[in-house]
Amino acid sequence: MRQAVAENLAAVVRDARAGDEQAWSSLVEAYGPGLRAIARRFRIPPDQAGDLSQATWLQLFNGIDRLQHPEALGSWLAVTMRRFCLHAVAGRERECPMTGLDEWLVQPGDAPETGLLRAEQAASVRRALARLPERQRRLLWHMATDPDARYTEISARLDIPVGAIGPTRARALGRLRRLLLDEERASHYTHQSGS
């Protein structure tokens, strides 16, 4: 199939631009395995690899009208997929894994104020979580309480498309971070005003 697409690539790209679903299917069939191979080289988990592949195809869908050299399509797809994989790997290295709530419990040997600080932090996180939209709150809670769950399981449990889990999680964590910073600033301002 890839050989047939390669021989008529300009025509297939032209048809895809015109919205021909068969042309898009042919492109996905011809180039999809290569995108999955790139994700494997980066050791991207299969669920996330599907998200990154989908994002690559979406980039092409949105920019196919600007593609001037159809013969470079394979290279364009590979470069785009590599960029998404690099971004995912860099993000994975920066991420702090979400764990259960036991980290908020007082540990033996902790100073008394440590328990108080943890309790205040836990209360801040709960308040911020309560202000998130329900879908984002449920997703973060599920990922915190079952960090090993695969995207397909999360999708089935929460009725969220697999491709929307990563972006929804990113938006939720960004919003949660902003809410916590706002609360910290407000608390700092209140303490300064009271002194």
Protein backbone atom coordinates (compact mmCIF):
# COMPACT_ATOMS: atom_id res chain seq x y z
CA MET A 1 0.00 0.00 0.00
CA ARG A 2 2.79 2.40 0.90
CA GLN A 3 4.36 1.80 -2.53
CA ALA A 4 1.08 2.70 -4.26
CA VAL A 5 0.76 5.87 -2.16
CA ALA A 6 4.40 6.80 -2.82
CA GLU A 7 3.94 6.42 -6.60
CA ASN A 8 0.86 8.66 -6.59
CA LEU A 9 1.68 10.82 -3.57
CA ALA A 10 0.90 14.14 -5.23
CA ALA A 11 -2.55 12.87 -6.26
CA VAL A 12 -3.25 11.36 -2.83
CA VAL A 13 -2.26 14.63 -1.10
CA ARG A 14 -4.41 16.60 -3.56
CA ASP A 15 -7.38 14.34 -2.81
CA ALA A 16 -6.76 14.62 0.96
CA ARG A 17 -6.76 18.41 0.63
CA ALA A 18 -10.15 18.12 -1.04
CA GLY A 19 -11.45 16.15 1.96
CA ASP A 20 -11.37 12.66 0.45
CA GLU A 21 -11.56 10.23 3.39
CA GLN A 22 -10.07 7.38 1.34
CA ALA A 23 -7.01 9.54 0.61
CA TRP A 24 -6.59 10.26 4.34
CA SER A 25 -6.97 6.56 5.15
CA SER A 26 -4.31 5.74 2.57
CA LEU A 27 -1.90 8.26 4.12
CA VAL A 28 -2.52 6.93 7.63
CA GLU A 29 -2.06 3.34 6.46
CA ALA A 30 1.14 4.21 4.60
CA TYR A 31 2.81 6.45 7.21
CA GLY A 32 1.20 5.38 10.51
CA PRO A 33 3.60 2.46 11.16
CA GLY A 34 6.57 4.82 10.76
CA LEU A 35 5.10 7.22 13.33
CA ARG A 36 4.59 4.37 15.79
CA ALA A 37 8.18 3.24 15.22
CA ILE A 38 9.44 6.73 16.06
CA ALA A 39 7.44 6.68 19.32
CA ARG A 40 8.93 3.26 20.19
CA ARG A 41 12.46 4.61 19.67
CA PHE A 42 11.66 7.33 22.22
CA ARG A 43 10.19 4.69 24.58
CA ILE A 44 6.83 6.44 24.58
CA PRO A 45 4.09 4.28 26.18
CA PRO A 46 1.58 2.99 23.59
CA ASP A 47 -1.34 5.08 24.89
CA GLN A 48 0.68 8.28 24.76
CA ALA A 49 2.17 7.28 21.39
CA GLY A 50 -1.39 7.18 20.03
CA ASP A 51 -1.98 10.72 21.33
CA LEU A 52 1.24 11.98 19.75
CA SER A 53 0.46 10.27 16.46
CA GLN A 54 -3.02 11.80 16.50
CA ALA A 55 -1.50 15.23 17.19
CA THR A 56 0.86 14.75 14.22
CA TRP A 57 -2.03 13.89 11.90
CA LEU A 58 -3.98 16.86 13.23
CA GLN A 59 -1.03 19.13 12.41
CA LEU A 60 -1.06 17.77 8.87
CA PHE A 61 -4.83 18.12 8.59
CA ASN A 62 -4.62 21.77 9.65
CA GLY A 63 -1.65 22.55 7.42
CA ILE A 64 -2.07 20.34 4.36
CA ASP A 65 -3.08 23.35 2.24
CA ARG A 66 0.35 24.86 2.90
CA LEU A 67 2.27 21.69 2.00
CA GLN A 68 4.16 22.75 -1.12
CA HIS A 69 6.14 19.58 -1.79
CA PRO A 70 4.02 16.42 -1.41
CA GLU A 71 7.09 14.25 -1.95
CA ALA A 72 8.43 15.56 1.40
CA LEU A 73 5.33 14.41 3.31
CA GLY A 74 7.05 11.42 4.93
CA SER A 75 9.90 13.57 6.20
CA TRP A 76 7.49 16.25 7.42
CA LEU A 77 5.46 13.66 9.36
CA ALA A 78 8.62 12.11 10.87
CA VAL A 79 10.04 15.47 11.98
CA THR A 80 6.69 16.52 13.48
CA MET A 81 6.33 13.23 15.36
CA ARG A 82 9.91 13.47 16.67
CA ARG A 83 9.21 16.97 17.99
CA PHE A 84 6.09 15.76 19.81
CA CYS A 85 8.07 12.81 21.25
CA LEU A 86 10.92 15.06 22.40
CA HIS A 87 8.42 17.37 24.07
CA ALA A 88 6.73 14.40 25.77
CA VAL A 89 10.05 13.00 27.02
CA ALA A 90 11.14 16.42 28.32
CA GLY A 91 7.79 16.82 30.08
CA ARG A 92 8.07 13.36 31.60
CA GLU A 93 11.45 14.27 33.08
CA ARG A 94 10.02 17.46 34.61
CA GLU A 95 6.88 15.81 35.97
CA CYS A 96 6.60 14.80 39.55
CA PRO A 97 4.62 11.56 39.75
CA MET A 98 1.27 11.93 41.46
CA THR A 99 1.08 9.75 44.52
CA GLY A 100 -1.57 8.94 47.06
CA LEU A 101 -2.39 11.18 49.97
CA ASP A 102 -0.14 9.32 52.46
CA GLU A 103 2.62 11.87 51.86
CA TRP A 104 0.47 14.40 53.76
CA LEU A 105 0.46 12.26 56.90
CA VAL A 106 2.82 13.08 59.74
CA GLN A 107 5.86 10.81 59.65
CA PRO A 108 7.53 9.49 62.82
CA GLY A 109 10.24 11.89 63.93
CA ASP A 110 8.71 14.93 62.17
CA ALA A 111 8.67 18.17 64.12
CA PRO A 112 5.13 19.16 65.25
CA GLU A 113 5.02 22.09 62.81
CA THR A 114 5.72 19.72 59.90
CA GLY A 115 2.34 18.05 60.43
CA LEU A 116 0.65 21.43 60.58
CA LEU A 117 2.32 22.56 57.35
CA ARG A 118 1.30 19.34 55.61
CA ALA A 119 -2.28 19.75 56.82
CA GLU A 120 -2.35 23.35 55.54
CA GLN A 121 -0.92 22.24 52.17
CA ALA A 122 -3.45 19.42 51.89
CA ALA A 123 -6.28 21.84 52.69
CA SER A 124 -5.00 24.26 50.02
CA VAL A 125 -4.89 21.48 47.44
CA ARG A 126 -8.41 20.33 48.36
CA ARG A 127 -9.75 23.90 48.05
CA ALA A 128 -8.04 24.35 44.68
CA LEU A 129 -9.30 20.96 43.44
CA ALA A 130 -12.85 21.92 44.46
CA ARG A 131 -12.62 24.96 42.19
CA LEU A 132 -11.70 22.92 39.09
CA PRO A 133 -14.39 21.90 36.59
CA GLU A 134 -15.78 18.48 37.52
CA ARG A 135 -14.24 16.68 34.53
CA GLN A 136 -10.75 17.97 35.36
CA ARG A 137 -11.20 17.26 39.09
CA ARG A 138 -12.32 13.68 38.45
CA LEU A 139 -9.43 13.07 36.05
CA LEU A 140 -6.77 14.36 38.47
CA TRP A 141 -8.28 12.43 41.37
CA HIS A 142 -8.36 9.23 39.34
CA MET A 143 -4.76 9.67 38.19
CA ALA A 144 -3.62 10.43 41.75
CA THR A 145 -5.36 7.44 43.29
CA ASP A 146 -4.49 5.00 40.49
CA PRO A 147 -1.21 6.26 38.94
CA ASP A 148 -0.63 3.01 37.00
CA ALA A 149 -3.96 3.16 35.14
CA ARG A 150 -3.65 3.13 31.36
CA TYR A 151 -5.32 5.80 29.27
CA THR A 152 -7.75 3.23 27.88
CA GLU A 153 -8.92 2.37 31.42
CA ILE A 154 -9.27 6.03 32.35
CA SER A 155 -11.22 6.67 29.15
CA ALA A 156 -13.65 3.87 29.93
CA ARG A 157 -14.11 4.85 33.58
CA LEU A 158 -14.50 8.60 33.09
CA ASP A 159 -16.05 8.65 29.60
CA ILE A 160 -13.25 10.83 28.22
CA PRO A 161 -11.80 10.10 24.76
CA VAL A 162 -8.26 8.69 25.00
CA GLY A 163 -6.93 11.55 22.88
CA ALA A 164 -8.40 14.14 25.26
CA ILE A 165 -6.88 12.74 28.47
CA GLY A 166 -3.39 14.23 28.08
CA PRO A 167 -4.57 17.74 27.10
CA THR A 168 -7.29 17.71 29.79
CA ARG A 169 -4.73 16.67 32.40
CA ALA A 170 -2.31 19.41 31.28
CA ARG A 171 -5.05 22.07 31.46
CA ALA A 172 -6.18 20.79 34.88
CA LEU A 173 -2.66 20.82 36.33
CA GLY A 174 -2.02 24.30 34.91
CA ARG A 175 -5.25 25.60 36.39
CA LEU A 176 -4.55 23.88 39.72
CA ARG A 177 -1.07 25.43 39.82
CA ARG A 178 -2.52 28.92 39.16
CA LEU A 179 -5.18 28.46 41.85
CA LEU A 180 -2.56 27.37 44.40
CA LEU A 181 -0.32 30.33 43.50
CA ASP A 182 -3.26 32.72 43.79
CA GLU A 183 -4.11 31.30 47.21
CA GLU A 184 -0.49 31.53 48.32
CA ARG A 185 -0.29 35.18 47.20
CA ALA A 186 -3.56 35.99 48.94
CA SER A 187 -2.37 34.29 52.13
CA HIS A 188 0.96 36.13 51.96
CA TYR A 189 -0.83 39.45 51.43
CA THR A 190 -3.19 38.74 54.36
CA HIS A 191 -0.25 37.90 56.66
CA GLN A 192 1.60 41.07 55.62
CA SER A 193 -1.49 43.23 56.11
CA GLY A 194 -2.11 41.71 59.54
CA SER A 195 1.43 42.38 60.80
